[in-house]
Amino acid sequence: MPITLHTPTPASLADVVDAVATWQVEGAPVQLHSGDLGWAWRFGADKLAGELRVWRRDGEVLAAGMVDHDDGVMRLAISPAVDADEEFAAQVVDDLTDPARGVLPEGRASVEARAGTALRARLDSEGWTADEPWTPLHRSLATPVEDCGLRIASLDADHADEQVVQDRVAVNLASFPTSTFTVERWRTMAATPAYRSARCLVAYDDADHAVAMTTVWSAGRGRPGLIEPLGAHRDFRGHGHGRAITIAAAAALREMGASSATVCTPAANVGGVAAYVSAGFTRQPDSTDFRRPA
């Protein structure tokens, strides 16, 4: 059967999220996670559907790519079933390379393809070159996680205290200067199928200030979970709150049945890498994106 390229409809997003979740395999490279799709869903189903490209064969989803038009990067998730599939690799590279197909934005563009042995080899052989390095980090959840030392409030799909929601949004804004997060966008995200396997956590200090936040995404029991995003309030930094919320994130994922906690950050973010390592994460070898030939 031929391999076909599609832009999904908003109604089909749940199927794509489910497929990407099943491809999260312990010991495999960190790739686009179902939680990444869930986090992007905060801007609405129409926008997320417009940013996705999906490859299918005989109705089966083989790969999904999410395009960040601001950075010119497509992040790919690939089914383990096509890891060594040369036909699949050739079709995807043709689609990525041909500007008439509109898969990647014009100008400089890159692909984050950390999985897919045949695809990575094909990109290399056709002149795609190394781009920005990223550092994946991993923490096994086979054993209990230590207490983080802070009070943690949790928001799941069925329990959303209004004050905690507002604190979750406020800390996000205070952690990332360019953030556009709002309570309405939190509600949009929390109403999606993806969030039924997720939780938001807010950490409070002894004075009951909201000092750190994160969202954790399960891909199902026995699969690697994702932390995205995570931040500490700028007014309360220097007290270990970032480390504490990272430990709390790992504990929440273990409670949800995840086999491990994963996160990926630019290799240039030396402080961020060190913070994750201090919270029990192991640094994995850096991985580079593939930049499209000029």
C-alpha atoms as a PDB file:
ATOM      1  CA  MET A   1       0.000   0.000   0.000  1.00  0.00           C
ATOM      2  CA  PRO A   2       1.228   3.552  -0.721  1.00  0.00           C
ATOM      3  CA  ILE A   3       2.307   5.877   2.078  1.00  0.00           C
ATOM      4  CA  THR A   4       0.216   9.041   2.114  1.00  0.00           C
ATOM      5  CA  LEU A   5       0.677  12.422   3.740  1.00  0.00           C
ATOM      6  CA  HIS A   6      -2.244  14.147   5.476  1.00  0.00           C
ATOM      7  CA  THR A   7      -3.082  17.233   7.477  1.00  0.00           C
ATOM      8  CA  PRO A   8      -5.379  15.906  10.213  1.00  0.00           C
ATOM      9  CA  THR A   9      -8.783  17.338  10.982  1.00  0.00           C
ATOM     10  CA  PRO A  10      -9.499  18.641  14.489  1.00  0.00           C
ATOM     11  CA  ALA A  11     -11.837  15.672  14.968  1.00  0.00           C
ATOM     12  CA  SER A  12      -9.007  13.217  14.293  1.00  0.00           C
ATOM     13  CA  LEU A  13      -6.494  14.702  16.751  1.00  0.00           C
ATOM     14  CA  ALA A  14      -7.328  12.223  19.507  1.00  0.00           C
ATOM     15  CA  ASP A  15      -6.389   9.333  17.211  1.00  0.00           C
ATOM     16  CA  VAL A  16      -3.020  10.955  16.459  1.00  0.00           C
ATOM     17  CA  VAL A  17      -2.357  11.560  20.161  1.00  0.00           C
ATOM     18  CA  ASP A  18      -3.187   7.928  20.939  1.00  0.00           C
ATOM     19  CA  ALA A  19      -0.851   6.659  18.198  1.00  0.00           C
ATOM     20  CA  VAL A  20       2.037   8.863  19.335  1.00  0.00           C
ATOM     21  CA  ALA A  21       1.518   7.677  22.923  1.00  0.00           C
ATOM     22  CA  THR A  22       1.915   4.021  21.926  1.00  0.00           C
ATOM     23  CA  TRP A  23       5.276   4.799  20.275  1.00  0.00           C
ATOM     24  CA  GLN A  24       6.846   5.920  23.559  1.00  0.00           C
ATOM     25  CA  VAL A  25       9.104   2.977  24.368  1.00  0.00           C
ATOM     26  CA  GLU A  26      11.484   2.624  27.304  1.00  0.00           C
ATOM     27  CA  GLY A  27      15.096   2.720  26.105  1.00  0.00           C
ATOM     28  CA  ALA A  28      14.234   4.293  22.742  1.00  0.00           C
ATOM     29  CA  PRO A  29      15.327   7.830  21.775  1.00  0.00           C
ATOM     30  CA  VAL A  30      13.257  10.676  23.209  1.00  0.00           C
ATOM     31  CA  GLN A  31      10.957  11.831  20.397  1.00  0.00           C
ATOM     32  CA  LEU A  32       7.818  13.933  19.995  1.00  0.00           C
ATOM     33  CA  HIS A  33       5.565  12.835  22.859  1.00  0.00           C
ATOM     34  CA  SER A  34       1.796  12.763  23.116  1.00  0.00           C
ATOM     35  CA  GLY A  35       2.256  15.316  25.907  1.00  0.00           C
ATOM     36  CA  ASP A  36       3.905  17.718  23.474  1.00  0.00           C
ATOM     37  CA  LEU A  37       0.729  17.545  21.410  1.00  0.00           C
ATOM     38  CA  GLY A  38      -1.372  18.030  24.523  1.00  0.00           C
ATOM     39  CA  TRP A  39       0.583  21.127  25.556  1.00  0.00           C
ATOM     40  CA  ALA A  40       0.299  22.589  22.033  1.00  0.00           C
ATOM     41  CA  TRP A  41      -3.462  21.954  22.139  1.00  0.00           C
ATOM     42  CA  ARG A  42      -3.856  24.901  24.542  1.00  0.00           C
ATOM     43  CA  PHE A  43      -4.143  27.159  21.477  1.00  0.00           C
ATOM     44  CA  GLY A  44      -7.101  25.165  20.173  1.00  0.00           C
ATOM     45  CA  ALA A  45      -7.760  22.139  17.993  1.00  0.00           C
ATOM     46  CA  ASP A  46      -7.763  24.054  14.705  1.00  0.00           C
ATOM     47  CA  LYS A  47      -4.303  25.500  15.277  1.00  0.00           C
ATOM     48  CA  LEU A  48      -2.817  22.175  16.368  1.00  0.00           C
ATOM     49  CA  ALA A  49      -4.338  20.344  13.404  1.00  0.00           C
ATOM     50  CA  GLY A  50      -2.860  22.950  11.062  1.00  0.00           C
ATOM     51  CA  GLU A  51       0.604  22.412  12.526  1.00  0.00           C
ATOM     52  CA  LEU A  52       0.520  18.613  12.179  1.00  0.00           C
ATOM     53  CA  ARG A  53       1.439  16.379   9.255  1.00  0.00           C
ATOM     54  CA  VAL A  54       0.629  12.686   9.458  1.00  0.00           C
ATOM     55  CA  TRP A  55       1.925   9.808   7.334  1.00  0.00           C
ATOM     56  CA  ARG A  56      -0.330   6.759   6.946  1.00  0.00           C
ATOM     57  CA  ARG A  57      -0.266   3.418   5.156  1.00  0.00           C
ATOM     58  CA  ASP A  58      -3.504   1.487   4.728  1.00  0.00           C
ATOM     59  CA  GLY A  59      -5.094   3.764   7.344  1.00  0.00           C
ATOM     60  CA  GLU A  60      -2.404   3.139   9.967  1.00  0.00           C
ATOM     61  CA  VAL A  61      -0.575   6.161  11.373  1.00  0.00           C
ATOM     62  CA  LEU A  62       3.171   5.684  10.819  1.00  0.00           C
ATOM     63  CA  ALA A  63       4.535   9.100  11.796  1.00  0.00           C
ATOM     64  CA  ALA A  64       3.383  12.517  12.965  1.00  0.00           C
ATOM     65  CA  GLY A  65       5.268  15.777  12.683  1.00  0.00           C
ATOM     66  CA  MET A  66       4.444  19.034  14.471  1.00  0.00           C
ATOM     67  CA  VAL A  67       5.753  22.203  12.812  1.00  0.00           C
ATOM     68  CA  ASP A  68       6.901  25.245  14.765  1.00  0.00           C
ATOM     69  CA  HIS A  69       6.722  27.920  12.079  1.00  0.00           C
ATOM     70  CA  ASP A  70       8.513  30.496  14.269  1.00  0.00           C
ATOM     71  CA  ASP A  71      11.613  28.298  14.526  1.00  0.00           C
ATOM     72  CA  GLY A  72      11.219  26.454  11.218  1.00  0.00           C
ATOM     73  CA  VAL A  73      11.438  23.089  12.996  1.00  0.00           C
ATOM     74  CA  MET A  74       9.330  19.974  12.583  1.00  0.00           C
ATOM     75  CA  ARG A  75       9.353  17.597  15.548  1.00  0.00           C
ATOM     76  CA  LEU A  76       8.733  14.021  14.475  1.00  0.00           C
ATOM     77  CA  ALA A  77       7.336  10.958  16.210  1.00  0.00           C
ATOM     78  CA  ILE A  78       7.814   7.675  14.362  1.00  0.00           C
ATOM     79  CA  SER A  79       6.248   4.267  14.910  1.00  0.00           C
ATOM     80  CA  PRO A  80       8.780   1.594  15.910  1.00  0.00           C
ATOM     81  CA  ALA A  81       7.166  -0.553  13.198  1.00  0.00           C
ATOM     82  CA  VAL A  82       8.866   1.552  10.488  1.00  0.00           C
ATOM     83  CA  ASP A  83      12.220   2.001  12.208  1.00  0.00           C
ATOM     84  CA  ALA A  84      14.049   0.150   9.400  1.00  0.00           C
ATOM     85  CA  ASP A  85      11.473   0.719   6.629  1.00  0.00           C
ATOM     86  CA  GLU A  86      13.339   2.114   3.600  1.00  0.00           C
ATOM     87  CA  GLU A  87      10.161   2.858   1.637  1.00  0.00           C
ATOM     88  CA  PHE A  88       8.805   4.899   4.532  1.00  0.00           C
ATOM     89  CA  ALA A  89      12.110   6.767   4.929  1.00  0.00           C
ATOM     90  CA  ALA A  90      12.289   7.628   1.227  1.00  0.00           C
ATOM     91  CA  GLN A  91       8.701   8.912   1.159  1.00  0.00           C
ATOM     92  CA  VAL A  92       9.106  11.096   4.255  1.00  0.00           C
ATOM     93  CA  VAL A  93      12.362  12.634   3.012  1.00  0.00           C
ATOM     94  CA  ASP A  94      10.788  13.337  -0.377  1.00  0.00           C
ATOM     95  CA  ASP A  95       7.857  15.040   1.348  1.00  0.00           C
ATOM     96  CA  LEU A  96      10.152  17.083   3.583  1.00  0.00           C
ATOM     97  CA  THR A  97      12.428  18.136   0.731  1.00  0.00           C
ATOM     98  CA  ASP A  98       9.853  19.097  -1.935  1.00  0.00           C
ATOM     99  CA  PRO A  99       8.730  22.694  -1.251  1.00  0.00           C
ATOM    100  CA  ALA A 100       5.595  22.160  -3.363  1.00  0.00           C
ATOM    101  CA  ARG A 101       4.233  19.831  -0.690  1.00  0.00           C
ATOM    102  CA  GLY A 102       4.414  22.558   1.947  1.00  0.00           C
ATOM    103  CA  VAL A 103       5.484  20.278   4.775  1.00  0.00           C
ATOM    104  CA  LEU A 104       8.214  22.591   6.049  1.00  0.00           C
ATOM    105  CA  PRO A 105       8.178  26.392   6.012  1.00  0.00           C
ATOM    106  CA  GLU A 106      10.212  28.274   3.429  1.00  0.00           C
ATOM    107  CA  GLY A 107      13.745  29.389   4.244  1.00  0.00           C
ATOM    108  CA  ARG A 108      15.884  27.702   6.840  1.00  0.00           C
ATOM    109  CA  ALA A 109      14.150  24.619   8.210  1.00  0.00           C
ATOM    110  CA  SER A 110      15.084  21.637  10.353  1.00  0.00           C
ATOM    111  CA  VAL A 111      13.654  18.306  11.403  1.00  0.00           C
ATOM    112  CA  GLU A 112      13.925  16.803  14.871  1.00  0.00           C
ATOM    113  CA  ALA A 113      14.152  13.101  13.986  1.00  0.00           C
ATOM    114  CA  ARG A 114      15.683  11.291  16.923  1.00  0.00           C
ATOM    115  CA  ALA A 115      14.071   7.932  16.145  1.00  0.00           C
ATOM    116  CA  GLY A 116      13.842   5.990  12.892  1.00  0.00           C
ATOM    117  CA  THR A 117      17.086   4.298  11.873  1.00  0.00           C
ATOM    118  CA  ALA A 118      16.248   4.248   8.165  1.00  0.00           C
ATOM    119  CA  LEU A 119      14.900   7.806   8.160  1.00  0.00           C
ATOM    120  CA  ARG A 120      17.949   9.245   9.913  1.00  0.00           C
ATOM    121  CA  ALA A 121      20.276   7.434   7.493  1.00  0.00           C
ATOM    122  CA  ARG A 122      18.266   8.745   4.525  1.00  0.00           C
ATOM    123  CA  LEU A 123      18.373  12.333   5.769  1.00  0.00           C
ATOM    124  CA  ASP A 124      22.129  12.033   6.234  1.00  0.00           C
ATOM    125  CA  SER A 125      22.694  10.524   2.789  1.00  0.00           C
ATOM    126  CA  GLU A 126      20.676  13.282   1.109  1.00  0.00           C
ATOM    127  CA  GLY A 127      22.743  16.078   2.578  1.00  0.00           C
ATOM    128  CA  TRP A 128      20.774  17.125   5.642  1.00  0.00           C
ATOM    129  CA  THR A 129      23.299  18.451   8.163  1.00  0.00           C
ATOM    130  CA  ALA A 130      23.515  18.676  11.949  1.00  0.00           C
ATOM    131  CA  ASP A 131      21.659  21.595  13.509  1.00  0.00           C
ATOM    132  CA  GLU A 132      21.030  22.621  17.136  1.00  0.00           C
ATOM    133  CA  PRO A 133      22.052  20.027  19.759  1.00  0.00           C
ATOM    134  CA  TRP A 134      19.536  18.978  22.403  1.00  0.00           C
ATOM    135  CA  THR A 135      20.109  17.138  25.661  1.00  0.00           C
ATOM    136  CA  PRO A 136      17.634  14.407  26.647  1.00  0.00           C
ATOM    137  CA  LEU A 137      17.413  13.547  30.352  1.00  0.00           C
ATOM    138  CA  HIS A 138      15.885  10.444  31.929  1.00  0.00           C
ATOM    139  CA  ARG A 139      14.904   9.286  35.381  1.00  0.00           C
ATOM    140  CA  SER A 140      13.787   5.712  36.004  1.00  0.00           C
ATOM    141  CA  LEU A 141      10.658   5.390  38.110  1.00  0.00           C
ATOM    142  CA  ALA A 142      11.204   1.762  39.069  1.00  0.00           C
ATOM    143  CA  THR A 143      11.669   2.788  42.720  1.00  0.00           C
ATOM    144  CA  PRO A 144       9.791   5.305  44.904  1.00  0.00           C
ATOM    145  CA  VAL A 145      10.638   8.990  44.495  1.00  0.00           C
ATOM    146  CA  GLU A 146      11.825  10.995  47.481  1.00  0.00           C
ATOM    147  CA  ASP A 147       9.689  13.740  49.029  1.00  0.00           C
ATOM    148  CA  CYS A 148      10.235  17.102  47.363  1.00  0.00           C
ATOM    149  CA  GLY A 149       9.917  19.125  50.578  1.00  0.00           C
ATOM    150  CA  LEU A 150       7.161  21.469  49.375  1.00  0.00           C
ATOM    151  CA  ARG A 151       3.375  21.374  49.460  1.00  0.00           C
ATOM    152  CA  ILE A 152       2.107  20.272  46.054  1.00  0.00           C
ATOM    153  CA  ALA A 153      -1.369  20.956  44.662  1.00  0.00           C
ATOM    154  CA  SER A 154      -2.513  18.890  41.695  1.00  0.00           C
ATOM    155  CA  LEU A 155      -4.913  19.652  38.839  1.00  0.00           C
ATOM    156  CA  ASP A 156      -6.219  16.732  36.804  1.00  0.00           C
ATOM    157  CA  ALA A 157      -9.030  16.434  34.288  1.00  0.00           C
ATOM    158  CA  ASP A 158     -11.611  15.877  37.044  1.00  0.00           C
ATOM    159  CA  HIS A 159     -10.354  18.145  39.835  1.00  0.00           C
ATOM    160  CA  ALA A 160      -9.506  21.795  39.204  1.00  0.00           C
ATOM    161  CA  ASP A 161      -9.527  24.144  42.181  1.00  0.00           C
ATOM    162  CA  GLU A 162      -9.971  27.672  40.817  1.00  0.00           C
ATOM    163  CA  GLN A 163      -7.236  29.226  42.969  1.00  0.00           C
ATOM    164  CA  VAL A 164      -4.735  26.533  41.979  1.00  0.00           C
ATOM    165  CA  VAL A 165      -5.587  27.074  38.303  1.00  0.00           C
ATOM    166  CA  GLN A 166      -4.884  30.784  38.694  1.00  0.00           C
ATOM    167  CA  ASP A 167      -1.634  30.037  40.537  1.00  0.00           C
ATOM    168  CA  ARG A 168      -0.612  27.566  37.806  1.00  0.00           C
ATOM    169  CA  VAL A 169      -1.052  30.263  35.166  1.00  0.00           C
ATOM    170  CA  ALA A 170       0.593  33.012  37.240  1.00  0.00           C
ATOM    171  CA  VAL A 171       3.724  30.968  37.905  1.00  0.00           C
ATOM    172  CA  ASN A 172       3.954  30.014  34.229  1.00  0.00           C
ATOM    173  CA  LEU A 173       3.932  33.704  33.310  1.00  0.00           C
ATOM    174  CA  ALA A 174       6.489  34.501  36.015  1.00  0.00           C
ATOM    175  CA  SER A 175       8.769  31.673  34.866  1.00  0.00           C
ATOM    176  CA  PHE A 176       8.919  32.450  31.143  1.00  0.00           C
ATOM    177  CA  PRO A 177       9.134  36.115  30.055  1.00  0.00           C
ATOM    178  CA  THR A 178       7.560  35.460  26.643  1.00  0.00           C
ATOM    179  CA  SER A 179       4.753  33.208  27.889  1.00  0.00           C
ATOM    180  CA  THR A 180       1.224  33.936  26.645  1.00  0.00           C
ATOM    181  CA  PHE A 181      -0.476  31.402  28.903  1.00  0.00           C
ATOM    182  CA  THR A 182      -3.903  32.312  30.273  1.00  0.00           C
ATOM    183  CA  VAL A 183      -6.593  30.703  32.397  1.00  0.00           C
ATOM    184  CA  GLU A 184      -8.689  30.275  29.256  1.00  0.00           C
ATOM    185  CA  ARG A 185      -5.837  28.444  27.520  1.00  0.00           C
ATOM    186  CA  TRP A 186      -5.400  26.232  30.561  1.00  0.00           C
ATOM    187  CA  ARG A 187      -9.091  25.361  30.361  1.00  0.00           C
ATOM    188  CA  THR A 188      -8.802  24.628  26.646  1.00  0.00           C
ATOM    189  CA  MET A 189      -5.866  22.289  27.312  1.00  0.00           C
ATOM    190  CA  ALA A 190      -7.540  20.625  30.296  1.00  0.00           C
ATOM    191  CA  ALA A 191     -10.637  19.817  28.234  1.00  0.00           C
ATOM    192  CA  THR A 192      -8.704  17.838  25.600  1.00  0.00           C
ATOM    193  CA  PRO A 193      -8.419  14.030  25.401  1.00  0.00           C
ATOM    194  CA  ALA A 194      -4.654  14.385  25.882  1.00  0.00           C
ATOM    195  CA  TYR A 195      -5.075  15.953  29.316  1.00  0.00           C
ATOM    196  CA  ARG A 196      -6.950  12.941  30.656  1.00  0.00           C
ATOM    197  CA  SER A 197      -3.463  11.427  30.979  1.00  0.00           C
ATOM    198  CA  ALA A 198      -1.904  14.536  32.500  1.00  0.00           C
ATOM    199  CA  ARG A 199      -1.677  16.635  35.650  1.00  0.00           C
ATOM    200  CA  CYS A 200      -0.576  20.139  36.466  1.00  0.00           C
ATOM    201  CA  LEU A 201       1.360  20.587  39.708  1.00  0.00           C
ATOM    202  CA  VAL A 202       1.868  23.787  41.685  1.00  0.00           C
ATOM    203  CA  ALA A 203       4.428  23.987  44.512  1.00  0.00           C
ATOM    204  CA  TYR A 204       3.906  26.227  47.561  1.00  0.00           C
ATOM    205  CA  ASP A 205       6.542  27.365  50.058  1.00  0.00           C
ATOM    206  CA  ASP A 206       6.135  27.646  53.835  1.00  0.00           C
ATOM    207  CA  ALA A 207       4.542  31.088  53.440  1.00  0.00           C
ATOM    208  CA  ASP A 208       2.027  29.586  50.975  1.00  0.00           C
ATOM    209  CA  HIS A 209       3.450  31.413  47.980  1.00  0.00           C
ATOM    210  CA  ALA A 210       3.068  29.585  44.649  1.00  0.00           C
ATOM    211  CA  VAL A 211       6.740  29.190  43.721  1.00  0.00           C
ATOM    212  CA  ALA A 212       6.952  26.593  40.925  1.00  0.00           C
ATOM    213  CA  MET A 213       4.769  24.712  38.456  1.00  0.00           C
ATOM    214  CA  THR A 214       4.844  21.953  35.871  1.00  0.00           C
ATOM    215  CA  THR A 215       2.622  19.774  33.713  1.00  0.00           C
ATOM    216  CA  VAL A 216       3.317  16.053  33.489  1.00  0.00           C
ATOM    217  CA  TRP A 217       2.016  13.836  30.691  1.00  0.00           C
ATOM    218  CA  SER A 218       1.593  10.083  30.843  1.00  0.00           C
ATOM    219  CA  ALA A 219       1.660   8.003  27.662  1.00  0.00           C
ATOM    220  CA  GLY A 220       0.105   5.049  29.470  1.00  0.00           C
ATOM    221  CA  ARG A 221       1.243   2.602  32.107  1.00  0.00           C
ATOM    222  CA  GLY A 222       4.717   1.202  31.530  1.00  0.00           C
ATOM    223  CA  ARG A 223       5.700   3.944  29.074  1.00  0.00           C
ATOM    224  CA  PRO A 224       7.943   6.999  29.487  1.00  0.00           C
ATOM    225  CA  GLY A 225       6.156  10.116  30.723  1.00  0.00           C
ATOM    226  CA  LEU A 226       7.018  13.692  29.825  1.00  0.00           C
ATOM    227  CA  ILE A 227       7.562  16.894  31.816  1.00  0.00           C
ATOM    228  CA  GLU A 228       6.451  19.896  29.725  1.00  0.00           C
ATOM    229  CA  PRO A 229       6.667  22.694  30.791  1.00  0.00           C
ATOM    230  CA  LEU A 230       8.405  23.253  34.148  1.00  0.00           C
ATOM    231  CA  GLY A 231       9.374  26.534  35.741  1.00  0.00           C
ATOM    232  CA  ALA A 232      10.106  28.380  38.980  1.00  0.00           C
ATOM    233  CA  HIS A 233       8.677  31.821  39.798  1.00  0.00           C
ATOM    234  CA  ARG A 234      11.299  34.489  39.109  1.00  0.00           C
ATOM    235  CA  ASP A 235      10.640  36.186  42.474  1.00  0.00           C
ATOM    236  CA  PHE A 236      11.432  33.025  44.455  1.00  0.00           C
ATOM    237  CA  ARG A 237      14.475  31.606  42.705  1.00  0.00           C
ATOM    238  CA  GLY A 238      17.625  30.481  44.439  1.00  0.00           C
ATOM    239  CA  HIS A 239      15.820  28.327  47.005  1.00  0.00           C
ATOM    240  CA  GLY A 240      15.782  24.979  45.195  1.00  0.00           C
ATOM    241  CA  HIS A 241      12.166  25.248  44.089  1.00  0.00           C
ATOM    242  CA  GLY A 242      13.008  24.161  40.535  1.00  0.00           C
ATOM    243  CA  ARG A 243      14.599  21.000  41.847  1.00  0.00           C
ATOM    244  CA  ALA A 244      11.663  20.392  44.167  1.00  0.00           C
ATOM    245  CA  ILE A 245       9.009  20.662  41.438  1.00  0.00           C
ATOM    246  CA  THR A 246      11.085  18.361  39.222  1.00  0.00           C
ATOM    247  CA  ILE A 247      11.103  15.720  41.953  1.00  0.00           C
ATOM    248  CA  ALA A 248       7.367  16.232  42.449  1.00  0.00           C
ATOM    249  CA  ALA A 249       6.870  15.747  38.697  1.00  0.00           C
ATOM    250  CA  ALA A 250       8.735  12.441  38.792  1.00  0.00           C
ATOM    251  CA  ALA A 251       6.661  11.289  41.759  1.00  0.00           C
ATOM    252  CA  ALA A 252       3.409  12.188  39.992  1.00  0.00           C
ATOM    253  CA  LEU A 253       4.403  10.300  36.851  1.00  0.00           C
ATOM    254  CA  ARG A 254       5.307   7.237  38.911  1.00  0.00           C
ATOM    255  CA  GLU A 255       1.894   7.402  40.592  1.00  0.00           C
ATOM    256  CA  MET A 256       0.343   7.535  37.116  1.00  0.00           C
ATOM    257  CA  GLY A 257       2.180   4.360  36.113  1.00  0.00           C
ATOM    258  CA  ALA A 258       4.938   5.826  33.942  1.00  0.00           C
ATOM    259  CA  SER A 259       8.105   3.757  33.608  1.00  0.00           C
ATOM    260  CA  SER A 260      10.321   6.843  33.585  1.00  0.00           C
ATOM    261  CA  ALA A 261      10.292  10.617  33.438  1.00  0.00           C
ATOM    262  CA  THR A 262      11.823  12.287  30.409  1.00  0.00           C
ATOM    263  CA  VAL A 263      12.613  15.825  29.404  1.00  0.00           C
ATOM    264  CA  CYS A 264      14.658  17.411  26.650  1.00  0.00           C
ATOM    265  CA  THR A 265      16.323  20.829  26.737  1.00  0.00           C
ATOM    266  CA  PRO A 266      18.755  22.703  24.472  1.00  0.00           C
ATOM    267  CA  ALA A 267      22.323  21.609  25.200  1.00  0.00           C
ATOM    268  CA  ALA A 268      23.190  25.295  25.588  1.00  0.00           C
ATOM    269  CA  ASN A 269      20.901  25.459  28.646  1.00  0.00           C
ATOM    270  CA  VAL A 270      23.697  24.415  30.989  1.00  0.00           C
ATOM    271  CA  GLY A 271      21.855  25.533  34.115  1.00  0.00           C
ATOM    272  CA  GLY A 272      18.714  23.657  33.151  1.00  0.00           C
ATOM    273  CA  VAL A 273      20.630  20.451  32.480  1.00  0.00           C
ATOM    274  CA  ALA A 274      22.373  20.756  35.851  1.00  0.00           C
ATOM    275  CA  ALA A 275      19.053  21.321  37.620  1.00  0.00           C
ATOM    276  CA  TYR A 276      17.552  18.137  36.168  1.00  0.00           C
ATOM    277  CA  VAL A 277      20.662  16.144  37.054  1.00  0.00           C
ATOM    278  CA  SER A 278      20.432  17.428  40.643  1.00  0.00           C
ATOM    279  CA  ALA A 279      16.857  16.089  40.737  1.00  0.00           C
ATOM    280  CA  GLY A 280      17.975  12.560  39.903  1.00  0.00           C
ATOM    281  CA  PHE A 281      17.880  12.655  36.108  1.00  0.00           C
ATOM    282  CA  THR A 282      20.621  11.094  34.013  1.00  0.00           C
ATOM    283  CA  ARG A 283      21.965  13.059  31.080  1.00  0.00           C
ATOM    284  CA  GLN A 284      21.784  11.119  27.810  1.00  0.00           C
ATOM    285  CA  PRO A 285      24.028  11.759  24.772  1.00  0.00           C
ATOM    286  CA  ASP A 286      23.166  14.966  22.945  1.00  0.00           C
ATOM    287  CA  SER A 287      21.140  14.692  19.750  1.00  0.00           C
ATOM    288  CA  THR A 288      21.104  17.191  16.872  1.00  0.00           C
ATOM    289  CA  ASP A 289      18.288  18.212  14.564  1.00  0.00           C
ATOM    290  CA  PHE A 290      18.697  17.770  10.805  1.00  0.00           C
ATOM    291  CA  ARG A 291      18.904  21.001   8.808  1.00  0.00           C
ATOM    292  CA  ARG A 292      17.460  20.974   5.297  1.00  0.00           C
ATOM    293  CA  PRO A 293      20.041  21.360   2.501  1.00  0.00           C
ATOM    294  CA  ALA A 294      20.242  24.892   1.113  1.00  0.00           C
END
